């Protein structure tokens, strides 16, 4: 795994580059988009010449296949060479079980492209100090089912338990740095966040990205 992670403005940019980088040589490529939402990644997948197989817990588009990650993948679906799993992990009541079911759905040597909120981000660090709660994991976020705090070391440990080897780690979503400063209080917060990031580069990015390869059946 690279010791100096690359930085991506948002999850879409990260996923697109990783799909292109890890596109398999097989003539048939199946990309499972887990948490496909309204299908924002469909065009990117089709540009690869791949088959897009969208899954979600609720059907936001007609093409989506309902998959509760507490269960095995629905019958009649195809195993994936590539899996996109963007900003979903934090919503899982049973994240290890969900990752195990995803791993079972992947072909050997298949690649998982994952993003999830970064608990150690500067905004989260400052929020924990001021509020006693991480910025994206306050009580109000239970309504969004933000129930798993995805610390990097725990996520990597879970992936290894599922037979996945981590290939890359990336800093994702730095667009908050471009926000307009609307008050002196906001300026102070901005400067404190910048100081935190200067001391620890891993606190950059509201999210982080991981690429992992299935090495075990």
N, C-alpha and C. Protein backbone atom coordinates (compact mmCIF):
# COMPACT_ATOMS: atom_id res chain seq x y z
N UNK A 1 0.85 -1.19 0.00
CA UNK A 1 0.00 0.00 0.00
C UNK A 1 0.88 1.24 0.00
N UNK A 2 0.55 2.21 -0.82
CA UNK A 2 1.33 3.44 -0.93
C UNK A 2 1.37 4.18 0.40
N UNK A 3 2.56 4.72 0.76
CA UNK A 3 2.70 5.44 2.03
C UNK A 3 2.28 6.90 1.89
N UNK A 4 2.22 7.43 0.69
CA UNK A 4 1.81 8.80 0.47
C UNK A 4 0.54 8.80 -0.38
N UNK A 5 -0.60 8.88 0.27
CA UNK A 5 -1.86 8.77 -0.48
C UNK A 5 -2.10 9.95 -1.42
N UNK A 6 -2.70 9.65 -2.56
CA UNK A 6 -3.11 10.71 -3.48
C UNK A 6 -4.37 11.38 -2.94
N UNK A 7 -4.64 12.57 -3.45
CA UNK A 7 -5.80 13.35 -3.00
C UNK A 7 -6.76 13.51 -4.17
N UNK A 8 -8.05 13.28 -3.89
CA UNK A 8 -9.10 13.39 -4.90
C UNK A 8 -10.18 14.36 -4.41
N UNK A 9 -10.69 15.17 -5.31
CA UNK A 9 -11.65 16.20 -4.93
C UNK A 9 -12.96 15.60 -4.43
N UNK A 10 -13.35 14.45 -4.99
CA UNK A 10 -14.61 13.82 -4.58
C UNK A 10 -14.57 12.32 -4.88
N UNK A 11 -15.58 11.61 -4.40
CA UNK A 11 -15.61 10.15 -4.52
C UNK A 11 -15.72 9.69 -5.97
N UNK A 12 -16.45 10.45 -6.79
CA UNK A 12 -16.62 10.08 -8.19
C UNK A 12 -15.30 10.09 -8.93
N UNK A 13 -14.48 11.13 -8.68
CA UNK A 13 -13.17 11.22 -9.34
C UNK A 13 -12.27 10.07 -8.91
N UNK A 14 -12.30 9.75 -7.63
CA UNK A 14 -11.50 8.63 -7.13
C UNK A 14 -11.94 7.32 -7.77
N UNK A 15 -13.25 7.05 -7.76
CA UNK A 15 -13.75 5.79 -8.29
C UNK A 15 -13.45 5.65 -9.78
N UNK A 16 -13.61 6.73 -10.53
CA UNK A 16 -13.36 6.67 -11.97
C UNK A 16 -11.92 6.31 -12.26
N UNK A 17 -10.98 6.96 -11.56
CA UNK A 17 -9.57 6.67 -11.81
C UNK A 17 -9.22 5.24 -11.40
N UNK A 18 -9.78 4.77 -10.29
CA UNK A 18 -9.46 3.41 -9.82
C UNK A 18 -10.06 2.35 -10.74
N UNK A 19 -11.25 2.59 -11.28
CA UNK A 19 -11.85 1.64 -12.22
C UNK A 19 -11.00 1.53 -13.47
N UNK A 20 -10.51 2.65 -13.95
CA UNK A 20 -9.66 2.63 -15.14
C UNK A 20 -8.33 1.95 -14.85
N UNK A 21 -7.77 2.19 -13.67
CA UNK A 21 -6.47 1.63 -13.31
C UNK A 21 -6.53 0.12 -13.12
N UNK A 22 -7.62 -0.36 -12.50
CA UNK A 22 -7.70 -1.77 -12.15
C UNK A 22 -8.66 -2.55 -13.06
N UNK A 23 -8.99 -1.99 -14.19
CA UNK A 23 -9.83 -2.70 -15.15
C UNK A 23 -9.18 -4.04 -15.51
N UNK A 24 -9.87 -5.16 -15.32
CA UNK A 24 -9.26 -6.46 -15.62
C UNK A 24 -9.13 -6.70 -17.12
N UNK A 25 -8.33 -7.69 -17.47
CA UNK A 25 -8.07 -7.98 -18.88
C UNK A 25 -9.14 -8.91 -19.48
N UNK A 26 -10.02 -9.45 -18.65
CA UNK A 26 -11.06 -10.34 -19.14
C UNK A 26 -11.92 -9.65 -20.19
N UNK A 27 -12.43 -10.45 -21.12
CA UNK A 27 -13.29 -9.89 -22.16
C UNK A 27 -14.62 -9.43 -21.59
N UNK A 28 -15.07 -10.09 -20.52
CA UNK A 28 -16.33 -9.70 -19.88
C UNK A 28 -16.02 -9.12 -18.51
N UNK A 29 -16.42 -7.88 -18.33
CA UNK A 29 -16.19 -7.20 -17.05
C UNK A 29 -17.53 -6.86 -16.43
N UNK A 30 -17.75 -7.33 -15.21
CA UNK A 30 -18.97 -7.03 -14.47
C UNK A 30 -18.61 -6.12 -13.31
N UNK A 31 -19.20 -4.94 -13.29
CA UNK A 31 -18.98 -3.98 -12.21
C UNK A 31 -20.23 -3.90 -11.36
N UNK A 32 -20.14 -4.36 -10.13
CA UNK A 32 -21.26 -4.24 -9.20
C UNK A 32 -21.15 -2.91 -8.46
N UNK A 33 -22.18 -2.11 -8.59
CA UNK A 33 -22.24 -0.79 -7.96
C UNK A 33 -23.17 -0.92 -6.76
N UNK A 34 -22.59 -1.09 -5.57
CA UNK A 34 -23.38 -1.36 -4.37
C UNK A 34 -23.66 -0.05 -3.65
N UNK A 35 -24.95 0.27 -3.57
CA UNK A 35 -25.36 1.59 -3.12
C UNK A 35 -25.40 2.53 -4.31
N UNK A 36 -25.98 2.02 -5.40
CA UNK A 36 -25.93 2.73 -6.69
C UNK A 36 -26.73 4.02 -6.70
N UNK A 37 -27.65 4.17 -5.77
CA UNK A 37 -28.44 5.40 -5.71
C UNK A 37 -29.17 5.67 -7.00
N UNK A 38 -28.96 6.85 -7.56
CA UNK A 38 -29.62 7.26 -8.79
C UNK A 38 -28.78 6.98 -10.04
N UNK A 39 -27.76 6.14 -9.88
CA UNK A 39 -27.02 5.66 -11.03
C UNK A 39 -25.93 6.60 -11.53
N UNK A 40 -25.33 7.37 -10.61
CA UNK A 40 -24.34 8.36 -11.04
C UNK A 40 -23.08 7.72 -11.65
N UNK A 41 -22.81 6.45 -11.31
CA UNK A 41 -21.60 5.81 -11.82
C UNK A 41 -21.85 5.00 -13.09
N UNK A 42 -23.08 4.94 -13.56
CA UNK A 42 -23.39 4.11 -14.73
C UNK A 42 -22.57 4.51 -15.95
N UNK A 43 -22.54 5.79 -16.26
CA UNK A 43 -21.82 6.25 -17.44
C UNK A 43 -20.34 5.90 -17.37
N UNK A 44 -19.74 6.09 -16.20
CA UNK A 44 -18.33 5.76 -16.02
C UNK A 44 -18.06 4.28 -16.26
N UNK A 45 -18.95 3.43 -15.76
CA UNK A 45 -18.80 1.98 -15.94
C UNK A 45 -18.95 1.61 -17.41
N UNK A 46 -19.93 2.16 -18.07
CA UNK A 46 -20.16 1.83 -19.48
C UNK A 46 -19.01 2.29 -20.36
N UNK A 47 -18.37 3.39 -19.98
CA UNK A 47 -17.20 3.87 -20.73
C UNK A 47 -16.05 2.87 -20.69
N UNK A 48 -16.03 2.00 -19.67
CA UNK A 48 -15.01 0.97 -19.57
C UNK A 48 -15.29 -0.21 -20.50
N UNK A 49 -16.49 -0.21 -21.07
CA UNK A 49 -16.91 -1.37 -21.84
C UNK A 49 -17.36 -2.50 -20.93
N UNK A 50 -17.80 -2.15 -19.73
CA UNK A 50 -18.18 -3.13 -18.72
C UNK A 50 -19.69 -3.21 -18.57
N UNK A 51 -20.13 -4.26 -17.93
CA UNK A 51 -21.55 -4.43 -17.57
C UNK A 51 -21.78 -3.80 -16.20
N UNK A 52 -22.76 -2.92 -16.10
CA UNK A 52 -23.07 -2.25 -14.84
C UNK A 52 -24.17 -3.03 -14.13
N UNK A 53 -23.90 -3.47 -12.91
CA UNK A 53 -24.85 -4.24 -12.12
C UNK A 53 -25.13 -3.47 -10.82
N UNK A 54 -26.20 -2.66 -10.81
CA UNK A 54 -26.46 -1.79 -9.66
C UNK A 54 -27.26 -2.48 -8.56
N UNK A 55 -26.84 -2.27 -7.32
CA UNK A 55 -27.54 -2.79 -6.15
C UNK A 55 -27.86 -1.64 -5.20
N UNK A 56 -28.94 -1.80 -4.44
CA UNK A 56 -29.26 -0.83 -3.40
C UNK A 56 -30.20 -1.47 -2.39
N UNK A 57 -30.31 -0.85 -1.23
CA UNK A 57 -31.21 -1.35 -0.20
C UNK A 57 -32.66 -0.94 -0.49
N UNK A 58 -32.81 0.18 -1.23
CA UNK A 58 -34.13 0.59 -1.72
C UNK A 58 -34.00 0.93 -3.20
N UNK A 59 -35.06 0.78 -3.92
CA UNK A 59 -35.02 0.96 -5.37
C UNK A 59 -35.24 2.43 -5.72
N UNK A 60 -34.16 3.14 -6.01
CA UNK A 60 -34.25 4.53 -6.43
C UNK A 60 -34.37 4.66 -7.94
N UNK A 61 -33.90 3.62 -8.66
CA UNK A 61 -34.06 3.55 -10.11
C UNK A 61 -34.52 2.14 -10.46
N UNK A 62 -35.19 2.01 -11.59
CA UNK A 62 -35.75 0.70 -11.96
C UNK A 62 -34.69 -0.37 -12.14
N UNK A 63 -33.48 0.01 -12.56
CA UNK A 63 -32.43 -0.98 -12.84
C UNK A 63 -31.86 -1.61 -11.57
N UNK A 64 -32.03 -0.98 -10.44
CA UNK A 64 -31.40 -1.45 -9.22
C UNK A 64 -31.97 -2.78 -8.75
N UNK A 65 -31.08 -3.62 -8.24
CA UNK A 65 -31.43 -4.90 -7.63
C UNK A 65 -31.37 -4.71 -6.12
N UNK A 66 -32.43 -5.09 -5.42
CA UNK A 66 -32.46 -4.93 -3.98
C UNK A 66 -31.53 -5.94 -3.32
N UNK A 67 -30.60 -5.42 -2.50
CA UNK A 67 -29.68 -6.29 -1.76
C UNK A 67 -29.48 -5.73 -0.36
N UNK A 68 -29.97 -6.47 0.63
CA UNK A 68 -29.67 -6.20 2.03
C UNK A 68 -28.35 -6.89 2.33
N UNK A 69 -27.32 -6.13 2.68
CA UNK A 69 -25.99 -6.69 2.84
C UNK A 69 -25.84 -7.59 4.07
N UNK A 70 -26.91 -7.71 4.85
CA UNK A 70 -26.92 -8.72 5.91
C UNK A 70 -27.10 -10.12 5.31
N UNK A 71 -27.50 -10.18 4.05
CA UNK A 71 -27.78 -11.45 3.37
C UNK A 71 -26.81 -11.64 2.21
N UNK A 72 -26.76 -12.86 1.71
CA UNK A 72 -25.97 -13.13 0.51
C UNK A 72 -26.60 -12.42 -0.68
N UNK A 73 -25.83 -12.23 -1.73
CA UNK A 73 -26.31 -11.55 -2.93
C UNK A 73 -27.52 -12.30 -3.49
N UNK A 74 -28.50 -11.60 -4.01
CA UNK A 74 -29.68 -12.27 -4.58
C UNK A 74 -29.30 -13.23 -5.70
N UNK A 75 -30.07 -14.30 -5.83
CA UNK A 75 -29.85 -15.27 -6.89
C UNK A 75 -30.10 -14.63 -8.25
N UNK A 76 -29.42 -15.17 -9.26
CA UNK A 76 -29.60 -14.67 -10.61
C UNK A 76 -28.70 -13.51 -10.98
N UNK A 77 -27.81 -13.11 -10.04
CA UNK A 77 -26.87 -12.03 -10.33
C UNK A 77 -25.51 -12.64 -10.70
N UNK A 78 -24.65 -11.82 -11.29
CA UNK A 78 -23.34 -12.30 -11.73
C UNK A 78 -22.25 -11.86 -10.77
N UNK A 79 -21.25 -12.73 -10.61
CA UNK A 79 -20.10 -12.36 -9.79
C UNK A 79 -19.38 -11.18 -10.43
N UNK A 80 -18.76 -10.36 -9.60
CA UNK A 80 -18.15 -9.11 -10.09
C UNK A 80 -16.64 -9.20 -10.17
N UNK A 81 -16.08 -8.62 -11.25
CA UNK A 81 -14.63 -8.39 -11.34
C UNK A 81 -14.24 -7.14 -10.55
N UNK A 82 -15.15 -6.16 -10.59
CA UNK A 82 -14.94 -4.89 -9.90
C UNK A 82 -16.17 -4.56 -9.08
N UNK A 83 -15.97 -3.98 -7.91
CA UNK A 83 -17.07 -3.55 -7.05
C UNK A 83 -16.85 -2.10 -6.66
N UNK A 84 -17.89 -1.27 -6.84
CA UNK A 84 -17.88 0.11 -6.35
C UNK A 84 -18.73 0.14 -5.08
N UNK A 85 -18.17 0.72 -4.02
CA UNK A 85 -18.85 0.73 -2.72
C UNK A 85 -18.59 2.09 -2.07
N UNK A 86 -19.35 3.09 -2.52
CA UNK A 86 -19.06 4.48 -2.17
C UNK A 86 -20.00 5.01 -1.10
N UNK A 87 -19.43 5.39 0.03
CA UNK A 87 -20.17 6.04 1.12
C UNK A 87 -21.37 5.19 1.57
N UNK A 88 -21.14 3.89 1.74
CA UNK A 88 -22.18 2.98 2.20
C UNK A 88 -21.79 2.31 3.51
N UNK A 89 -20.52 2.02 3.69
CA UNK A 89 -20.07 1.23 4.83
C UNK A 89 -20.56 1.79 6.16
N UNK A 90 -20.55 3.11 6.30
CA UNK A 90 -20.94 3.74 7.57
C UNK A 90 -22.42 3.56 7.89
N UNK A 91 -23.21 3.14 6.89
CA UNK A 91 -24.65 2.94 7.09
C UNK A 91 -24.99 1.51 7.52
N UNK A 92 -24.00 0.62 7.58
CA UNK A 92 -24.28 -0.79 7.83
C UNK A 92 -24.35 -1.10 9.32
N UNK A 93 -25.42 -1.80 9.71
CA UNK A 93 -25.54 -2.24 11.09
C UNK A 93 -24.52 -3.34 11.40
N UNK A 94 -24.18 -4.14 10.40
CA UNK A 94 -23.23 -5.25 10.57
C UNK A 94 -22.15 -5.13 9.48
N UNK A 95 -21.20 -4.20 9.65
CA UNK A 95 -20.25 -3.93 8.56
C UNK A 95 -19.37 -5.12 8.18
N UNK A 96 -18.92 -5.90 9.14
CA UNK A 96 -18.08 -7.05 8.81
C UNK A 96 -18.87 -8.07 8.00
N UNK A 97 -20.09 -8.35 8.42
CA UNK A 97 -20.94 -9.28 7.68
C UNK A 97 -21.20 -8.76 6.27
N UNK A 98 -21.45 -7.46 6.15
CA UNK A 98 -21.68 -6.87 4.83
C UNK A 98 -20.48 -7.04 3.92
N UNK A 99 -19.28 -6.79 4.45
CA UNK A 99 -18.06 -6.94 3.67
C UNK A 99 -17.82 -8.40 3.30
N UNK A 100 -18.16 -9.32 4.20
CA UNK A 100 -18.01 -10.74 3.88
C UNK A 100 -18.93 -11.13 2.73
N UNK A 101 -20.15 -10.63 2.75
CA UNK A 101 -21.08 -10.95 1.66
C UNK A 101 -20.64 -10.33 0.34
N UNK A 102 -20.04 -9.15 0.41
CA UNK A 102 -19.49 -8.54 -0.81
C UNK A 102 -18.31 -9.36 -1.32
N UNK A 103 -17.42 -9.77 -0.44
CA UNK A 103 -16.26 -10.57 -0.84
C UNK A 103 -16.70 -11.88 -1.50
N UNK A 104 -17.74 -12.50 -0.96
CA UNK A 104 -18.26 -13.75 -1.54
C UNK A 104 -18.85 -13.53 -2.92
N UNK A 105 -19.26 -12.30 -3.20
CA UNK A 105 -19.85 -11.94 -4.49
C UNK A 105 -18.78 -11.64 -5.54
N UNK A 106 -17.53 -11.49 -5.10
CA UNK A 106 -16.45 -11.09 -6.01
C UNK A 106 -15.72 -12.30 -6.57
N UNK A 107 -15.26 -12.16 -7.81
CA UNK A 107 -14.36 -13.15 -8.40
C UNK A 107 -13.01 -13.07 -7.69
N UNK A 108 -12.28 -14.18 -7.67
CA UNK A 108 -10.91 -14.12 -7.14
C UNK A 108 -10.11 -13.14 -8.00
N UNK A 109 -9.28 -12.35 -7.36
CA UNK A 109 -8.52 -11.26 -7.98
C UNK A 109 -9.40 -10.07 -8.34
N UNK A 110 -10.68 -10.13 -7.99
CA UNK A 110 -11.55 -8.98 -8.19
C UNK A 110 -11.13 -7.84 -7.27
N UNK A 111 -11.53 -6.63 -7.63
CA UNK A 111 -11.09 -5.43 -6.92
C UNK A 111 -12.28 -4.65 -6.37
N UNK A 112 -12.16 -4.24 -5.12
CA UNK A 112 -13.17 -3.44 -4.43
C UNK A 112 -12.67 -2.00 -4.34
N UNK A 113 -13.50 -1.05 -4.77
CA UNK A 113 -13.19 0.38 -4.67
C UNK A 113 -14.18 0.97 -3.67
N UNK A 114 -13.65 1.42 -2.54
CA UNK A 114 -14.48 1.81 -1.40
C UNK A 114 -14.15 3.23 -0.96
N UNK A 115 -15.19 3.99 -0.63
CA UNK A 115 -14.98 5.25 0.09
C UNK A 115 -15.92 5.28 1.28
N UNK A 116 -15.49 6.00 2.31
CA UNK A 116 -16.29 6.12 3.53
C UNK A 116 -15.82 7.36 4.29
N UNK A 117 -16.66 7.95 5.14
CA UNK A 117 -16.22 9.14 5.88
C UNK A 117 -14.95 8.89 6.69
N UNK A 118 -14.14 9.93 6.79
CA UNK A 118 -12.87 9.87 7.51
C UNK A 118 -13.05 10.38 8.94
N UNK A 119 -13.13 9.49 9.93
CA UNK A 119 -13.36 9.94 11.31
C UNK A 119 -12.27 10.83 11.87
N UNK A 120 -11.03 10.72 11.32
CA UNK A 120 -9.95 11.53 11.84
C UNK A 120 -9.74 12.83 11.06
N UNK A 121 -10.70 13.18 10.20
CA UNK A 121 -10.58 14.42 9.44
C UNK A 121 -10.49 15.62 10.39
N UNK A 122 -9.95 16.69 9.89
CA UNK A 122 -9.81 17.89 10.73
C UNK A 122 -11.16 18.38 11.24
N UNK A 123 -12.19 18.30 10.39
CA UNK A 123 -13.52 18.75 10.82
C UNK A 123 -14.06 17.85 11.92
N UNK A 124 -13.83 16.53 11.78
CA UNK A 124 -14.26 15.61 12.83
C UNK A 124 -13.48 15.82 14.12
N UNK A 125 -12.17 16.04 13.99
CA UNK A 125 -11.32 16.26 15.16
C UNK A 125 -11.76 17.50 15.92
N UNK A 126 -12.01 18.59 15.20
CA UNK A 126 -12.45 19.83 15.84
C UNK A 126 -13.83 19.66 16.46
N UNK A 127 -14.72 18.98 15.75
CA UNK A 127 -16.07 18.76 16.27
C UNK A 127 -16.05 17.92 17.54
N UNK A 128 -15.18 16.92 17.57
CA UNK A 128 -15.07 16.08 18.77
C UNK A 128 -14.62 16.92 19.96
N UNK A 129 -13.70 17.85 19.72
CA UNK A 129 -13.22 18.71 20.80
C UNK A 129 -14.31 19.68 21.27
N UNK A 130 -15.06 20.28 20.32
CA UNK A 130 -16.05 21.30 20.66
C UNK A 130 -17.38 20.72 21.13
N UNK A 131 -17.81 19.59 20.50
CA UNK A 131 -19.14 19.04 20.77
C UNK A 131 -19.13 17.71 21.52
N UNK A 132 -17.98 17.07 21.53
CA UNK A 132 -17.93 15.73 22.11
C UNK A 132 -18.45 14.68 21.17
N UNK A 133 -18.59 15.02 19.88
CA UNK A 133 -19.08 14.08 18.87
C UNK A 133 -18.44 14.40 17.54
N UNK A 134 -18.19 13.37 16.74
CA UNK A 134 -17.64 13.58 15.40
C UNK A 134 -18.64 14.34 14.55
N UNK A 135 -18.13 15.16 13.63
CA UNK A 135 -18.96 16.02 12.79
C UNK A 135 -20.05 15.25 12.06
N UNK A 136 -19.70 14.09 11.48
CA UNK A 136 -20.65 13.32 10.65
C UNK A 136 -21.32 12.19 11.41
N UNK A 137 -21.09 12.11 12.72
CA UNK A 137 -21.64 11.00 13.49
C UNK A 137 -22.27 11.50 14.79
N UNK A 138 -23.02 12.59 14.68
CA UNK A 138 -23.76 13.10 15.81
C UNK A 138 -25.09 12.35 15.92
N UNK A 139 -25.79 12.59 17.00
CA UNK A 139 -27.06 11.88 17.22
C UNK A 139 -28.04 12.10 16.07
N UNK A 140 -28.03 13.30 15.49
CA UNK A 140 -28.96 13.60 14.40
C UNK A 140 -28.69 12.74 13.17
N UNK A 141 -27.47 12.22 13.03
CA UNK A 141 -27.14 11.42 11.85
C UNK A 141 -27.65 9.99 11.94
N UNK A 142 -28.24 9.63 13.08
CA UNK A 142 -28.88 8.31 13.18
C UNK A 142 -30.01 8.21 12.15
N UNK A 143 -30.66 9.35 11.86
CA UNK A 143 -31.73 9.34 10.85
C UNK A 143 -31.22 8.87 9.50
N UNK A 144 -29.94 9.10 9.21
CA UNK A 144 -29.33 8.63 7.96
C UNK A 144 -28.71 7.24 8.15
N UNK A 145 -28.89 6.66 9.32
CA UNK A 145 -28.31 5.37 9.70
C UNK A 145 -26.78 5.39 9.64
N UNK A 146 -26.22 6.50 10.09
CA UNK A 146 -24.77 6.55 10.28
C UNK A 146 -24.49 5.86 11.62
N UNK A 147 -24.30 4.54 11.57
CA UNK A 147 -24.22 3.75 12.80
C UNK A 147 -22.86 3.07 12.99
N UNK A 148 -22.01 3.11 11.97
CA UNK A 148 -20.68 2.53 12.08
C UNK A 148 -19.64 3.61 11.83
N UNK A 149 -18.77 3.84 12.81
CA UNK A 149 -17.71 4.82 12.65
C UNK A 149 -16.51 4.12 12.02
N UNK A 150 -16.21 4.41 10.75
CA UNK A 150 -15.24 3.59 10.00
C UNK A 150 -13.79 4.03 10.16
N UNK A 151 -13.24 3.84 11.36
CA UNK A 151 -11.82 4.13 11.56
C UNK A 151 -11.00 3.28 10.60
N UNK A 152 -9.99 3.87 10.01
CA UNK A 152 -9.21 3.22 8.95
C UNK A 152 -8.66 1.87 9.39
N UNK A 153 -8.08 1.79 10.57
CA UNK A 153 -7.44 0.54 11.01
C UNK A 153 -8.47 -0.58 11.18
N UNK A 154 -9.70 -0.21 11.57
CA UNK A 154 -10.74 -1.22 11.73
C UNK A 154 -11.23 -1.70 10.37
N UNK A 155 -11.44 -0.78 9.45
CA UNK A 155 -11.88 -1.15 8.10
C UNK A 155 -10.85 -2.05 7.43
N UNK A 156 -9.57 -1.70 7.54
CA UNK A 156 -8.51 -2.52 6.94
C UNK A 156 -8.49 -3.91 7.57
N UNK A 157 -8.67 -3.98 8.89
CA UNK A 157 -8.71 -5.28 9.57
C UNK A 157 -9.89 -6.11 9.07
N UNK A 158 -11.05 -5.49 8.90
CA UNK A 158 -12.23 -6.20 8.39
C UNK A 158 -11.97 -6.72 6.98
N UNK A 159 -11.37 -5.90 6.14
CA UNK A 159 -11.09 -6.32 4.77
C UNK A 159 -10.17 -7.54 4.76
N UNK A 160 -9.16 -7.53 5.60
CA UNK A 160 -8.24 -8.66 5.67
C UNK A 160 -8.95 -9.93 6.12
N UNK A 161 -9.86 -9.80 7.08
CA UNK A 161 -10.63 -10.96 7.54
C UNK A 161 -11.48 -11.55 6.41
N UNK A 162 -11.84 -10.70 5.46
CA UNK A 162 -12.67 -11.14 4.34
C UNK A 162 -11.84 -11.66 3.16
N UNK A 163 -10.54 -11.76 3.35
CA UNK A 163 -9.68 -12.26 2.29
C UNK A 163 -9.32 -11.23 1.24
N UNK A 164 -9.32 -9.96 1.64
CA UNK A 164 -8.99 -8.87 0.73
C UNK A 164 -7.68 -8.21 1.14
N UNK A 165 -6.84 -7.93 0.17
CA UNK A 165 -5.57 -7.27 0.40
C UNK A 165 -5.67 -5.81 -0.03
N UNK A 166 -5.32 -4.90 0.86
CA UNK A 166 -5.40 -3.47 0.56
C UNK A 166 -4.25 -3.08 -0.37
N UNK A 167 -4.62 -2.45 -1.48
CA UNK A 167 -3.64 -2.02 -2.47
C UNK A 167 -3.33 -0.53 -2.38
N UNK A 168 -4.37 0.26 -2.09
CA UNK A 168 -4.20 1.72 -2.08
C UNK A 168 -5.07 2.35 -1.01
N UNK A 169 -4.58 3.48 -0.50
CA UNK A 169 -5.35 4.33 0.40
C UNK A 169 -5.29 5.73 -0.18
N UNK A 170 -6.40 6.44 -0.17
CA UNK A 170 -6.44 7.78 -0.76
C UNK A 170 -7.23 8.74 0.12
N UNK A 171 -6.88 10.01 0.02
CA UNK A 171 -7.63 11.09 0.67
C UNK A 171 -8.70 11.55 -0.32
N UNK A 172 -9.95 11.61 0.14
CA UNK A 172 -11.07 11.90 -0.75
C UNK A 172 -11.94 13.01 -0.17
N UNK A 173 -12.39 13.89 -1.04
CA UNK A 173 -13.33 14.97 -0.71
C UNK A 173 -12.65 16.09 0.08
N UNK A 174 -11.99 16.96 -0.66
CA UNK A 174 -11.34 18.12 -0.05
C UNK A 174 -12.02 19.42 -0.48
N UNK A 175 -13.22 19.31 -1.03
CA UNK A 175 -13.91 20.50 -1.54
C UNK A 175 -14.31 21.46 -0.43
N UNK A 176 -14.36 20.96 0.83
CA UNK A 176 -14.68 21.84 1.95
C UNK A 176 -13.64 22.95 2.11
N UNK A 177 -12.43 22.73 1.59
CA UNK A 177 -11.38 23.74 1.71
C UNK A 177 -11.67 24.98 0.86
N UNK A 178 -12.57 24.82 -0.12
CA UNK A 178 -12.88 25.92 -1.02
C UNK A 178 -14.06 26.77 -0.54
N UNK A 179 -14.60 26.43 0.63
CA UNK A 179 -15.79 27.13 1.09
C UNK A 179 -15.50 28.60 1.36
N UNK A 180 -16.53 29.43 1.21
CA UNK A 180 -16.40 30.86 1.48
C UNK A 180 -16.46 31.09 2.98
N UNK A 181 -15.59 31.95 3.45
CA UNK A 181 -15.56 32.29 4.87
C UNK A 181 -16.59 33.39 5.10
N UNK A 182 -17.62 33.09 5.90
CA UNK A 182 -18.75 34.01 6.06
C UNK A 182 -18.72 34.79 7.37
N UNK A 183 -17.83 34.42 8.29
CA UNK A 183 -17.80 35.11 9.58
C UNK A 183 -16.42 34.91 10.22
N UNK A 184 -16.15 35.68 11.26
CA UNK A 184 -14.89 35.54 11.98
C UNK A 184 -14.80 34.17 12.64
N UNK A 185 -15.93 33.69 13.18
CA UNK A 185 -15.97 32.36 13.80
C UNK A 185 -15.60 31.29 12.77
N UNK A 186 -16.14 31.42 11.57
CA UNK A 186 -15.85 30.45 10.51
C UNK A 186 -14.37 30.52 10.11
N UNK A 187 -13.82 31.74 10.11
CA UNK A 187 -12.41 31.91 9.79
C UNK A 187 -11.52 31.20 10.82
N UNK A 188 -11.89 31.34 12.10
CA UNK A 188 -11.15 30.67 13.18
C UNK A 188 -11.19 29.16 12.98
N UNK A 189 -12.38 28.62 12.69
CA UNK A 189 -12.51 27.18 12.48
C UNK A 189 -11.68 26.74 11.28
N UNK A 190 -11.70 27.52 10.24
CA UNK A 190 -10.93 27.21 9.04
C UNK A 190 -9.43 27.14 9.35
N UNK A 191 -8.96 28.09 10.13
CA UNK A 191 -7.54 28.14 10.46
C UNK A 191 -7.15 26.96 11.38
N UNK A 192 -8.03 26.62 12.31
CA UNK A 192 -7.75 25.49 13.21
C UNK A 192 -7.70 24.19 12.41
N UNK A 193 -8.65 24.02 11.48
CA UNK A 193 -8.65 22.82 10.63
C UNK A 193 -7.34 22.75 9.83
N UNK A 194 -6.91 23.87 9.29
CA UNK A 194 -5.68 23.90 8.52
C UNK A 194 -4.47 23.54 9.39
N UNK A 195 -4.48 24.00 10.65
CA UNK A 195 -3.39 23.68 11.57
C UNK A 195 -3.37 22.18 11.86
N UNK A 196 -4.54 21.62 12.12
CA UNK A 196 -4.63 20.17 12.39
C UNK A 196 -4.08 19.38 11.21
N UNK A 197 -4.45 19.80 10.00
CA UNK A 197 -4.00 19.10 8.80
C UNK A 197 -2.51 19.25 8.57
N UNK A 198 -1.95 20.37 8.97
CA UNK A 198 -0.51 20.58 8.82
C UNK A 198 0.29 19.67 9.75
N UNK A 199 -0.31 19.31 10.88
CA UNK A 199 0.35 18.43 11.83
C UNK A 199 0.20 16.96 11.44
N UNK A 200 -0.90 16.65 10.77
CA UNK A 200 -1.17 15.25 10.40
C UNK A 200 -1.91 15.23 9.07
N UNK A 201 -1.22 14.92 7.97
CA UNK A 201 -1.85 14.92 6.64
C UNK A 201 -3.03 13.95 6.51
N UNK A 202 -3.08 12.93 7.37
CA UNK A 202 -4.17 11.96 7.30
C UNK A 202 -5.49 12.55 7.78
N UNK A 203 -5.44 13.74 8.35
CA UNK A 203 -6.68 14.40 8.77
C UNK A 203 -7.31 15.19 7.62
N UNK A 204 -6.68 15.19 6.46
CA UNK A 204 -7.27 15.82 5.28
C UNK A 204 -8.39 14.93 4.73
N UNK A 205 -9.36 15.56 4.09
CA UNK A 205 -10.40 14.81 3.40
C UNK A 205 -11.55 14.45 4.32
N UNK A 206 -12.76 14.78 3.88
CA UNK A 206 -13.94 14.38 4.64
C UNK A 206 -14.17 12.87 4.54
N UNK A 207 -13.61 12.26 3.50
CA UNK A 207 -13.69 10.82 3.32
C UNK A 207 -12.31 10.28 2.97
N UNK A 208 -12.20 8.95 2.99
CA UNK A 208 -11.00 8.32 2.46
C UNK A 208 -11.41 7.19 1.54
N UNK A 209 -10.48 6.79 0.69
CA UNK A 209 -10.75 5.72 -0.25
C UNK A 209 -9.78 4.57 -0.06
N UNK A 210 -10.27 3.37 -0.28
CA UNK A 210 -9.44 2.17 -0.21
C UNK A 210 -9.71 1.32 -1.44
N UNK A 211 -8.65 0.77 -2.00
CA UNK A 211 -8.76 -0.22 -3.07
C UNK A 211 -8.22 -1.53 -2.51
N UNK A 212 -9.01 -2.61 -2.62
CA UNK A 212 -8.60 -3.90 -2.07
C UNK A 212 -8.88 -5.01 -3.06
N UNK A 213 -7.98 -5.98 -3.12
CA UNK A 213 -8.05 -7.09 -4.06
C UNK A 213 -8.39 -8.38 -3.32
N UNK A 214 -9.30 -9.17 -3.89
CA UNK A 214 -9.65 -10.45 -3.28
C UNK A 214 -8.56 -11.46 -3.58
N UNK A 215 -7.91 -11.96 -2.54
CA UNK A 215 -6.80 -12.90 -2.74
C UNK A 215 -7.14 -14.31 -2.28
N UNK A 216 -8.31 -14.47 -1.62
CA UNK A 216 -8.72 -15.79 -1.12
C UNK A 216 -10.15 -16.07 -1.56
N UNK A 217 -10.41 -17.32 -1.85
CA UNK A 217 -11.78 -17.74 -2.15
C UNK A 217 -12.54 -17.97 -0.85
